[in-house]
C-alpha atoms as a PDB file:
ATOM      1  CA  UNK A   1       0.760 -16.312 -25.021  1.00  0.00           C
ATOM      2  CA  UNK A   2       3.267 -13.620 -26.166  1.00  0.00           C
ATOM      3  CA  UNK A   3       4.483 -10.702 -24.563  1.00  0.00           C
ATOM      4  CA  UNK A   4       4.049 -12.147 -21.088  1.00  0.00           C
ATOM      5  CA  UNK A   5       6.756 -13.304 -18.412  1.00  0.00           C
ATOM      6  CA  UNK A   6       6.300 -15.130 -15.240  1.00  0.00           C
ATOM      7  CA  UNK A   7       8.774 -14.429 -12.544  1.00  0.00           C
ATOM      8  CA  UNK A   8       8.778 -16.891  -9.567  1.00  0.00           C
ATOM      9  CA  UNK A   9      10.347 -16.503  -6.103  1.00  0.00           C
ATOM     10  CA  UNK A  10      10.936 -19.858  -5.321  1.00  0.00           C
ATOM     11  CA  UNK A  11      11.188 -18.974  -1.475  1.00  0.00           C
ATOM     12  CA  UNK A  12       7.935 -17.308  -0.959  1.00  0.00           C
ATOM     13  CA  UNK A  13       6.384 -19.908  -3.397  1.00  0.00           C
ATOM     14  CA  UNK A  14       8.241 -23.022  -2.236  1.00  0.00           C
ATOM     15  CA  UNK A  15       5.125 -24.669  -1.187  1.00  0.00           C
ATOM     16  CA  UNK A  16       3.506 -24.536  -4.765  1.00  0.00           C
ATOM     17  CA  UNK A  17       5.943 -23.226  -7.430  1.00  0.00           C
ATOM     18  CA  UNK A  18       6.423 -26.852  -9.059  1.00  0.00           C
ATOM     19  CA  UNK A  19       2.686 -27.291  -9.288  1.00  0.00           C
ATOM     20  CA  UNK A  20       2.290 -23.760 -10.809  1.00  0.00           C
ATOM     21  CA  UNK A  21       4.879 -24.082 -13.473  1.00  0.00           C
ATOM     22  CA  UNK A  22       3.300 -27.642 -14.339  1.00  0.00           C
ATOM     23  CA  UNK A  23      -0.146 -25.982 -14.612  1.00  0.00           C
ATOM     24  CA  UNK A  24       1.239 -22.959 -16.475  1.00  0.00           C
ATOM     25  CA  UNK A  25       3.031 -25.482 -18.902  1.00  0.00           C
ATOM     26  CA  UNK A  26      -0.270 -27.387 -19.437  1.00  0.00           C
ATOM     27  CA  UNK A  27      -2.315 -24.238 -20.443  1.00  0.00           C
ATOM     28  CA  UNK A  28       0.260 -21.810 -22.288  1.00  0.00           C
ATOM     29  CA  UNK A  29       2.718 -23.342 -24.951  1.00  0.00           C
ATOM     30  CA  UNK A  30       6.301 -22.296 -23.936  1.00  0.00           C
ATOM     31  CA  UNK A  31       5.839 -19.761 -21.206  1.00  0.00           C
ATOM     32  CA  UNK A  32       8.488 -17.408 -20.498  1.00  0.00           C
ATOM     33  CA  UNK A  33       9.385 -18.238 -16.931  1.00  0.00           C
ATOM     34  CA  UNK A  34      12.123 -17.060 -14.498  1.00  0.00           C
ATOM     35  CA  UNK A  35      12.822 -18.809 -11.390  1.00  0.00           C
ATOM     36  CA  UNK A  36      14.483 -16.166  -9.702  1.00  0.00           C
ATOM     37  CA  UNK A  37      17.744 -16.671  -7.383  1.00  0.00           C
ATOM     38  CA  UNK A  38      17.652 -13.066  -6.206  1.00  0.00           C
ATOM     39  CA  UNK A  39      16.644  -9.495  -6.563  1.00  0.00           C
ATOM     40  CA  UNK A  40      19.353  -9.007  -8.961  1.00  0.00           C
ATOM     41  CA  UNK A  41      18.584 -12.077 -11.049  1.00  0.00           C
ATOM     42  CA  UNK A  42      14.837 -10.548 -11.452  1.00  0.00           C
ATOM     43  CA  UNK A  43      16.161  -7.467 -12.212  1.00  0.00           C
ATOM     44  CA  UNK A  44      18.561  -8.952 -15.007  1.00  0.00           C
ATOM     45  CA  UNK A  45      15.643 -10.899 -16.494  1.00  0.00           C
ATOM     46  CA  UNK A  46      13.500  -7.908 -16.851  1.00  0.00           C
ATOM     47  CA  UNK A  47      16.099  -5.969 -18.487  1.00  0.00           C
ATOM     48  CA  UNK A  48      16.955  -8.755 -21.003  1.00  0.00           C
ATOM     49  CA  UNK A  49      13.167  -9.355 -21.910  1.00  0.00           C
ATOM     50  CA  UNK A  50      12.039  -5.583 -21.777  1.00  0.00           C
ATOM     51  CA  UNK A  51      11.580  -4.984 -25.381  1.00  0.00           C
ATOM     52  CA  UNK A  52       9.523  -8.329 -25.889  1.00  0.00           C
ATOM     53  CA  UNK A  53       7.561  -8.370 -22.933  1.00  0.00           C
ATOM     54  CA  UNK A  54       4.249  -5.976 -22.285  1.00  0.00           C
ATOM     55  CA  UNK A  55       3.352  -8.043 -18.980  1.00  0.00           C
ATOM     56  CA  UNK A  56       5.417  -8.975 -16.010  1.00  0.00           C
ATOM     57  CA  UNK A  57       3.629 -11.650 -13.685  1.00  0.00           C
ATOM     58  CA  UNK A  58       5.206 -11.990 -10.176  1.00  0.00           C
ATOM     59  CA  UNK A  59       4.644 -15.273  -8.482  1.00  0.00           C
ATOM     60  CA  UNK A  60       5.190 -14.934  -4.720  1.00  0.00           C
ATOM     61  CA  UNK A  61       4.060 -12.540  -1.918  1.00  0.00           C
ATOM     62  CA  UNK A  62       3.827  -8.720  -1.364  1.00  0.00           C
ATOM     63  CA  UNK A  63       7.825  -8.492  -1.316  1.00  0.00           C
ATOM     64  CA  UNK A  64       8.245 -10.325  -4.574  1.00  0.00           C
ATOM     65  CA  UNK A  65       5.431  -8.167  -6.283  1.00  0.00           C
ATOM     66  CA  UNK A  66       7.235  -4.917  -4.972  1.00  0.00           C
ATOM     67  CA  UNK A  67      10.546  -6.093  -6.210  1.00  0.00           C
ATOM     68  CA  UNK A  68       9.050  -6.323  -9.778  1.00  0.00           C
ATOM     69  CA  UNK A  69       7.006  -3.295  -9.496  1.00  0.00           C
ATOM     70  CA  UNK A  70      10.205  -1.320  -9.031  1.00  0.00           C
ATOM     71  CA  UNK A  71      11.492  -2.106 -12.359  1.00  0.00           C
ATOM     72  CA  UNK A  72       7.966  -0.920 -13.962  1.00  0.00           C
ATOM     73  CA  UNK A  73       7.386   2.525 -12.142  1.00  0.00           C
ATOM     74  CA  UNK A  74       6.392   5.029 -14.535  1.00  0.00           C
ATOM     75  CA  UNK A  75       6.646   3.186 -17.746  1.00  0.00           C
ATOM     76  CA  UNK A  76       4.003   1.305 -19.929  1.00  0.00           C
ATOM     77  CA  UNK A  77       4.839  -1.949 -18.555  1.00  0.00           C
ATOM     78  CA  UNK A  78       2.082  -3.870 -17.039  1.00  0.00           C
ATOM     79  CA  UNK A  79       2.228  -5.801 -13.262  1.00  0.00           C
ATOM     80  CA  UNK A  80       0.355  -8.668 -12.669  1.00  0.00           C
ATOM     81  CA  UNK A  81       0.613 -11.309  -9.836  1.00  0.00           C
ATOM     82  CA  UNK A  82      -0.040 -14.705  -8.766  1.00  0.00           C
ATOM     83  CA  UNK A  83      -0.356 -14.703  -4.881  1.00  0.00           C
ATOM     84  CA  UNK A  84       2.074 -17.398  -3.258  1.00  0.00           C
ATOM     85  CA  UNK A  85       3.173 -15.406  -0.192  1.00  0.00           C
ATOM     86  CA  UNK A  86       2.070 -15.424   3.525  1.00  0.00           C
ATOM     87  CA  UNK A  87      -0.212 -12.458   3.479  1.00  0.00           C
ATOM     88  CA  UNK A  88      -0.700 -11.443   0.154  1.00  0.00           C
ATOM     89  CA  UNK A  89      -1.969  -7.960   0.889  1.00  0.00           C
ATOM     90  CA  UNK A  90      -1.341  -6.332  -2.601  1.00  0.00           C
ATOM     91  CA  UNK A  91      -2.857  -9.359  -4.519  1.00  0.00           C
ATOM     92  CA  UNK A  92      -6.081  -9.297  -2.504  1.00  0.00           C
ATOM     93  CA  UNK A  93      -6.514  -5.633  -2.919  1.00  0.00           C
ATOM     94  CA  UNK A  94      -6.018  -5.751  -6.700  1.00  0.00           C
ATOM     95  CA  UNK A  95      -8.055  -9.050  -6.875  1.00  0.00           C
ATOM     96  CA  UNK A  96      -5.463 -11.319  -8.057  1.00  0.00           C
ATOM     97  CA  UNK A  97      -6.157 -15.019  -6.881  1.00  0.00           C
ATOM     98  CA  UNK A  98      -4.839 -18.239  -7.235  1.00  0.00           C
ATOM     99  CA  UNK A  99      -7.103 -19.007 -10.215  1.00  0.00           C
ATOM    100  CA  UNK A 100      -4.559 -19.161 -12.955  1.00  0.00           C
ATOM    101  CA  UNK A 101      -7.271 -19.403 -15.710  1.00  0.00           C
ATOM    102  CA  UNK A 102      -8.620 -16.272 -14.545  1.00  0.00           C
ATOM    103  CA  UNK A 103      -5.205 -14.692 -14.474  1.00  0.00           C
ATOM    104  CA  UNK A 104      -4.616 -15.953 -18.211  1.00  0.00           C
ATOM    105  CA  UNK A 105      -7.917 -14.401 -19.398  1.00  0.00           C
ATOM    106  CA  UNK A 106      -6.951 -11.009 -17.734  1.00  0.00           C
ATOM    107  CA  UNK A 107      -3.760 -11.216 -19.465  1.00  0.00           C
ATOM    108  CA  UNK A 108      -5.527 -11.953 -22.905  1.00  0.00           C
ATOM    109  CA  UNK A 109      -7.935  -9.038 -22.423  1.00  0.00           C
ATOM    110  CA  UNK A 110      -4.925  -6.943 -21.200  1.00  0.00           C
ATOM    111  CA  UNK A 111      -7.037  -4.231 -19.361  1.00  0.00           C
ATOM    112  CA  UNK A 112      -4.879  -2.433 -16.685  1.00  0.00           C
ATOM    113  CA  UNK A 113      -5.072   0.646 -14.548  1.00  0.00           C
ATOM    114  CA  UNK A 114      -2.574   3.252 -13.023  1.00  0.00           C
ATOM    115  CA  UNK A 115      -2.138   3.219  -9.526  1.00  0.00           C
ATOM    116  CA  UNK A 116      -0.300   5.285  -6.875  1.00  0.00           C
ATOM    117  CA  UNK A 117       2.968   4.147  -5.111  1.00  0.00           C
ATOM    118  CA  UNK A 118       4.837   6.127  -2.419  1.00  0.00           C
ATOM    119  CA  UNK A 119       8.467   6.424  -1.245  1.00  0.00           C
ATOM    120  CA  UNK A 120      10.098   6.469   2.218  1.00  0.00           C
ATOM    121  CA  UNK A 121      13.487   8.204   1.818  1.00  0.00           C
ATOM    122  CA  UNK A 122      13.511   7.096  -1.985  1.00  0.00           C
ATOM    123  CA  UNK A 123      12.716   3.664  -1.446  1.00  0.00           C
ATOM    124  CA  UNK A 124       9.546   2.223  -3.304  1.00  0.00           C
ATOM    125  CA  UNK A 125       6.485   0.800  -1.544  1.00  0.00           C
ATOM    126  CA  UNK A 126       3.247  -0.091  -3.259  1.00  0.00           C
ATOM    127  CA  UNK A 127       1.020  -1.665  -0.433  1.00  0.00           C
ATOM    128  CA  UNK A 128       1.554  -0.988   3.362  1.00  0.00           C
ATOM    129  CA  UNK A 129       4.771  -0.221   5.251  1.00  0.00           C
ATOM    130  CA  UNK A 130       5.444   0.581   8.630  1.00  0.00           C
ATOM    131  CA  UNK A 131       7.892   1.297  11.482  1.00  0.00           C
ATOM    132  CA  UNK A 132       7.756   0.453  15.516  1.00  0.00           C
ATOM    133  CA  UNK A 133       6.148  -2.641  16.442  1.00  0.00           C
ATOM    134  CA  UNK A 134       5.107  -4.237  12.988  1.00  0.00           C
ATOM    135  CA  UNK A 135       8.760  -3.351  11.904  1.00  0.00           C
ATOM    136  CA  UNK A 136      10.187  -5.331  15.020  1.00  0.00           C
ATOM    137  CA  UNK A 137       7.814  -8.417  14.258  1.00  0.00           C
ATOM    138  CA  UNK A 138       8.594  -8.513  10.548  1.00  0.00           C
ATOM    139  CA  UNK A 139      12.184  -8.965  11.522  1.00  0.00           C
ATOM    140  CA  UNK A 140      11.385 -11.867  13.921  1.00  0.00           C
ATOM    141  CA  UNK A 141       9.002 -13.312  11.358  1.00  0.00           C
ATOM    142  CA  UNK A 142      11.409 -13.439   8.669  1.00  0.00           C
ATOM    143  CA  UNK A 143      13.600 -15.900  10.869  1.00  0.00           C
ATOM    144  CA  UNK A 144      10.325 -18.556  11.017  1.00  0.00           C
ATOM    145  CA  UNK A 145       8.564 -20.625   8.425  1.00  0.00           C
ATOM    146  CA  UNK A 146       6.017 -17.538   8.053  1.00  0.00           C
ATOM    147  CA  UNK A 147       2.458 -18.157   7.920  1.00  0.00           C
ATOM    148  CA  UNK A 148      -0.473 -16.337   9.885  1.00  0.00           C
ATOM    149  CA  UNK A 149      -0.105 -18.543  12.914  1.00  0.00           C
ATOM    150  CA  UNK A 150       3.636 -17.852  13.363  1.00  0.00           C
ATOM    151  CA  UNK A 151       2.841 -14.169  12.669  1.00  0.00           C
ATOM    152  CA  UNK A 152      -0.090 -13.858  15.466  1.00  0.00           C
ATOM    153  CA  UNK A 153       2.496 -15.995  17.995  1.00  0.00           C
ATOM    154  CA  UNK A 154       5.605 -13.633  17.248  1.00  0.00           C
ATOM    155  CA  UNK A 155       3.197 -10.397  17.679  1.00  0.00           C
ATOM    156  CA  UNK A 156       1.735 -11.516  21.047  1.00  0.00           C
ATOM    157  CA  UNK A 157       5.539 -12.243  22.065  1.00  0.00           C
ATOM    158  CA  UNK A 158       6.828  -8.661  20.993  1.00  0.00           C
ATOM    159  CA  UNK A 159       4.102  -6.961  22.234  1.00  0.00           C
ATOM    160  CA  UNK A 160       4.363  -7.582  25.801  1.00  0.00           C
ATOM    161  CA  UNK A 161       8.127  -6.267  25.851  1.00  0.00           C
ATOM    162  CA  UNK A 162       7.925  -3.746  23.265  1.00  0.00           C
ATOM    163  CA  UNK A 163       8.641  -0.107  24.091  1.00  0.00           C
ATOM    164  CA  UNK A 164       6.731   2.648  22.182  1.00  0.00           C
ATOM    165  CA  UNK A 165       8.589   4.707  19.356  1.00  0.00           C
ATOM    166  CA  UNK A 166       9.353   8.196  19.807  1.00  0.00           C
ATOM    167  CA  UNK A 167       8.287  10.450  16.819  1.00  0.00           C
ATOM    168  CA  UNK A 168       8.666  14.177  15.934  1.00  0.00           C
ATOM    169  CA  UNK A 169       6.590  15.469  12.754  1.00  0.00           C
ATOM    170  CA  UNK A 170       7.257  18.355  10.757  1.00  0.00           C
ATOM    171  CA  UNK A 171       5.654  21.657  11.764  1.00  0.00           C
ATOM    172  CA  UNK A 172       2.658  21.050   9.890  1.00  0.00           C
ATOM    173  CA  UNK A 173       1.850  17.950  11.931  1.00  0.00           C
ATOM    174  CA  UNK A 174       3.493  18.754  15.564  1.00  0.00           C
ATOM    175  CA  UNK A 175       0.498  18.059  17.169  1.00  0.00           C
ATOM    176  CA  UNK A 176       0.774  14.362  16.535  1.00  0.00           C
ATOM    177  CA  UNK A 177       4.168  14.316  18.288  1.00  0.00           C
ATOM    178  CA  UNK A 178       4.299  11.502  20.788  1.00  0.00           C
ATOM    179  CA  UNK A 179       5.232   8.047  21.638  1.00  0.00           C
ATOM    180  CA  UNK A 180       3.483   5.278  19.269  1.00  0.00           C
ATOM    181  CA  UNK A 181       3.418   1.478  19.102  1.00  0.00           C
ATOM    182  CA  UNK A 182       3.675   1.674  15.284  1.00  0.00           C
ATOM    183  CA  UNK A 183       3.090   3.858  12.306  1.00  0.00           C
ATOM    184  CA  UNK A 184       1.732   2.275   9.092  1.00  0.00           C
ATOM    185  CA  UNK A 185       1.703   4.102   5.834  1.00  0.00           C
ATOM    186  CA  UNK A 186      -1.054   2.557   3.784  1.00  0.00           C
ATOM    187  CA  UNK A 187      -1.673   2.972   0.104  1.00  0.00           C
ATOM    188  CA  UNK A 188      -4.212   0.101   0.000  1.00  0.00           C
ATOM    189  CA  UNK A 189      -6.352  -0.984   2.848  1.00  0.00           C
ATOM    190  CA  UNK A 190      -4.576  -4.204   4.244  1.00  0.00           C
ATOM    191  CA  UNK A 191      -1.286  -5.604   5.448  1.00  0.00           C
ATOM    192  CA  UNK A 192      -2.503  -9.027   3.998  1.00  0.00           C
ATOM    193  CA  UNK A 193      -4.583 -12.040   5.308  1.00  0.00           C
ATOM    194  CA  UNK A 194      -7.506  -9.477   5.136  1.00  0.00           C
ATOM    195  CA  UNK A 195      -6.128  -7.683   8.142  1.00  0.00           C
ATOM    196  CA  UNK A 196      -7.571  -3.997   7.329  1.00  0.00           C
ATOM    197  CA  UNK A 197      -5.146  -1.326   8.947  1.00  0.00           C
ATOM    198  CA  UNK A 198      -6.737   1.613   6.734  1.00  0.00           C
ATOM    199  CA  UNK A 199     -10.311   0.680   5.612  1.00  0.00           C
ATOM    200  CA  UNK A 200     -10.580   3.961   3.705  1.00  0.00           C
ATOM    201  CA  UNK A 201      -7.164   3.846   1.757  1.00  0.00           C
ATOM    202  CA  UNK A 202      -7.413   4.112  -1.828  1.00  0.00           C
ATOM    203  CA  UNK A 203      -4.699   3.294  -4.317  1.00  0.00           C
ATOM    204  CA  UNK A 204      -5.770   5.656  -6.953  1.00  0.00           C
ATOM    205  CA  UNK A 205      -6.844   8.788  -4.858  1.00  0.00           C
ATOM    206  CA  UNK A 206      -3.207  10.372  -4.741  1.00  0.00           C
ATOM    207  CA  UNK A 207      -3.409  10.352  -0.926  1.00  0.00           C
ATOM    208  CA  UNK A 208      -1.757   8.135   1.718  1.00  0.00           C
ATOM    209  CA  UNK A 209      -3.394   7.181   4.891  1.00  0.00           C
ATOM    210  CA  UNK A 210      -1.174   7.175   7.892  1.00  0.00           C
ATOM    211  CA  UNK A 211      -2.180   5.175  10.884  1.00  0.00           C
ATOM    212  CA  UNK A 212      -0.811   6.211  14.008  1.00  0.00           C
ATOM    213  CA  UNK A 213      -1.120   3.323  16.850  1.00  0.00           C
ATOM    214  CA  UNK A 214      -0.488   4.217  20.360  1.00  0.00           C
ATOM    215  CA  UNK A 215       0.263   1.171  22.570  1.00  0.00           C
ATOM    216  CA  UNK A 216      -2.946   0.027  24.262  1.00  0.00           C
ATOM    217  CA  UNK A 217      -3.603  -2.320  27.336  1.00  0.00           C
ATOM    218  CA  UNK A 218      -3.293  -5.964  26.530  1.00  0.00           C
ATOM    219  CA  UNK A 219      -7.171  -6.536  27.350  1.00  0.00           C
ATOM    220  CA  UNK A 220      -7.768  -4.228  24.268  1.00  0.00           C
ATOM    221  CA  UNK A 221      -5.790  -6.547  22.015  1.00  0.00           C
ATOM    222  CA  UNK A 222      -8.641  -8.740  21.042  1.00  0.00           C
ATOM    223  CA  UNK A 223     -10.895  -5.657  20.221  1.00  0.00           C
ATOM    224  CA  UNK A 224      -8.238  -4.441  17.996  1.00  0.00           C
ATOM    225  CA  UNK A 225      -7.708  -7.468  16.350  1.00  0.00           C
ATOM    226  CA  UNK A 226     -11.438  -8.212  15.738  1.00  0.00           C
ATOM    227  CA  UNK A 227     -11.797  -4.507  14.227  1.00  0.00           C
ATOM    228  CA  UNK A 228      -8.567  -5.021  12.118  1.00  0.00           C
ATOM    229  CA  UNK A 229      -9.938  -8.110  10.530  1.00  0.00           C
ATOM    230  CA  UNK A 230     -13.443  -6.790  10.253  1.00  0.00           C
ATOM    231  CA  UNK A 231     -12.681  -3.847   8.500  1.00  0.00           C
ATOM    232  CA  UNK A 232     -14.031  -1.475  11.199  1.00  0.00           C
ATOM    233  CA  UNK A 233     -10.922   0.311  12.672  1.00  0.00           C
ATOM    234  CA  UNK A 234     -11.751   3.990  12.916  1.00  0.00           C
ATOM    235  CA  UNK A 235      -9.875   6.870  14.888  1.00  0.00           C
ATOM    236  CA  UNK A 236     -10.135   6.689  18.691  1.00  0.00           C
ATOM    237  CA  UNK A 237      -7.932   7.151  21.699  1.00  0.00           C
ATOM    238  CA  UNK A 238      -5.309   4.589  20.514  1.00  0.00           C
ATOM    239  CA  UNK A 239      -5.621   5.268  16.974  1.00  0.00           C
ATOM    240  CA  UNK A 240      -5.410   8.370  14.734  1.00  0.00           C
ATOM    241  CA  UNK A 241      -5.248   8.615  10.950  1.00  0.00           C
ATOM    242  CA  UNK A 242      -3.347  11.360   8.900  1.00  0.00           C
ATOM    243  CA  UNK A 243      -4.426  11.717   5.253  1.00  0.00           C
ATOM    244  CA  UNK A 244      -1.645  13.423   3.270  1.00  0.00           C
ATOM    245  CA  UNK A 245       0.120  13.200   0.177  1.00  0.00           C
ATOM    246  CA  UNK A 246       3.658  13.857   1.854  1.00  0.00           C
ATOM    247  CA  UNK A 247       5.024  14.088   5.271  1.00  0.00           C
ATOM    248  CA  UNK A 248       8.283  14.141   7.189  1.00  0.00           C
ATOM    249  CA  UNK A 249       9.180  13.160  10.695  1.00  0.00           C
ATOM    250  CA  UNK A 250      12.070  12.211  12.991  1.00  0.00           C
ATOM    251  CA  UNK A 251      11.838   8.935  14.700  1.00  0.00           C
ATOM    252  CA  UNK A 252      14.263   7.045  17.251  1.00  0.00           C
ATOM    253  CA  UNK A 253      14.115   3.457  15.459  1.00  0.00           C
ATOM    254  CA  UNK A 254      15.355   2.119  12.269  1.00  0.00           C
ATOM    255  CA  UNK A 255      13.103  -1.000  12.345  1.00  0.00           C
ATOM    256  CA  UNK A 256      10.853  -0.732   9.285  1.00  0.00           C
ATOM    257  CA  UNK A 257       8.970  -3.171   6.887  1.00  0.00           C
ATOM    258  CA  UNK A 258       8.204  -2.068   3.325  1.00  0.00           C
ATOM    259  CA  UNK A 259       5.485  -4.309   2.033  1.00  0.00           C
ATOM    260  CA  UNK A 260       6.158  -6.751   4.749  1.00  0.00           C
ATOM    261  CA  UNK A 261       9.931  -7.103   4.066  1.00  0.00           C
ATOM    262  CA  UNK A 262      12.106  -5.945   6.943  1.00  0.00           C
ATOM    263  CA  UNK A 263      14.298  -2.832   6.229  1.00  0.00           C
ATOM    264  CA  UNK A 264      16.505  -0.468   7.994  1.00  0.00           C
ATOM    265  CA  UNK A 265      15.896   3.207   7.337  1.00  0.00           C
ATOM    266  CA  UNK A 266      17.597   6.116   9.238  1.00  0.00           C
ATOM    267  CA  UNK A 267      15.952   8.907  10.436  1.00  0.00           C
ATOM    268  CA  UNK A 268      14.662  11.629   9.718  1.00  0.00           C
ATOM    269  CA  UNK A 269      12.193  10.196   7.232  1.00  0.00           C
ATOM    270  CA  UNK A 270      10.602  11.900   4.240  1.00  0.00           C
ATOM    271  CA  UNK A 271       7.433  10.228   2.774  1.00  0.00           C
ATOM    272  CA  UNK A 272       5.699  10.847  -0.558  1.00  0.00           C
ATOM    273  CA  UNK A 273       3.083   9.617  -2.760  1.00  0.00           C
ATOM    274  CA  UNK A 274       3.735   9.079  -6.420  1.00  0.00           C
ATOM    275  CA  UNK A 275       0.521   9.340  -8.104  1.00  0.00           C
ATOM    276  CA  UNK A 276      -0.691   7.089 -10.919  1.00  0.00           C
ATOM    277  CA  UNK A 277       3.042   5.657 -11.364  1.00  0.00           C
ATOM    278  CA  UNK A 278       2.446   1.948 -11.762  1.00  0.00           C
ATOM    279  CA  UNK A 279       0.223   0.268 -14.340  1.00  0.00           C
ATOM    280  CA  UNK A 280      -1.676  -3.163 -12.891  1.00  0.00           C
ATOM    281  CA  UNK A 281      -3.479  -5.648 -14.729  1.00  0.00           C
ATOM    282  CA  UNK A 282      -7.066  -5.988 -13.821  1.00  0.00           C
END
């Protein structure tokens, strides 16, 4: 199979990357594979193989996919994914599964679409990013063995002690100023694990869905969780959505996650959609 490269994050895919490589070698003669040691390693591999590769397949979680995507923005190169992370939100939204035969068939057909991405102070995000509570949770989550159980446990632990963040929006959106549990920026519908924070998000409409979540009573936690996983979240007294292509605000925390990876970002923050900037295999 020519013009295709597989970039594997052995850390996010540690439970299965050996078996993935073996299965790939059984199905594809001399596949071009990189077991990436770092972000710089992935960047160097892409640059080295740029002229000979049309489709770059990220094997890992949303963070791995986002890392590869950064190198392909506004080019004719195509991003594909084999999900091997803890949440796999982007892969789920773009219909990438653990069926290698299906992925190889898609690669042969080579059909792609252009999707939106967005930036937060010039840092790229392709799926869902956030600040506040979920930023703090991701920070602690990265110290564990990951998995949905650990994420839920850390979320409950953090929720009890978490102090709401204070947000001051630009003049156009100043009516939304206030204190929030978290703010989620959604290019797609879900965090991962089919947790749908923005059921109306569309990665091709040039609009970002911004979920403003206020801290709610602990008894409401179960209801929020139920709606989150059943794709039924909607605006209420604890949740408000802003639909926009660009927005700025000041905030009293630097704890963010970008596509599930912890980042520190200083205030003020400028967020902007980048329409149809990434080609993705379908």
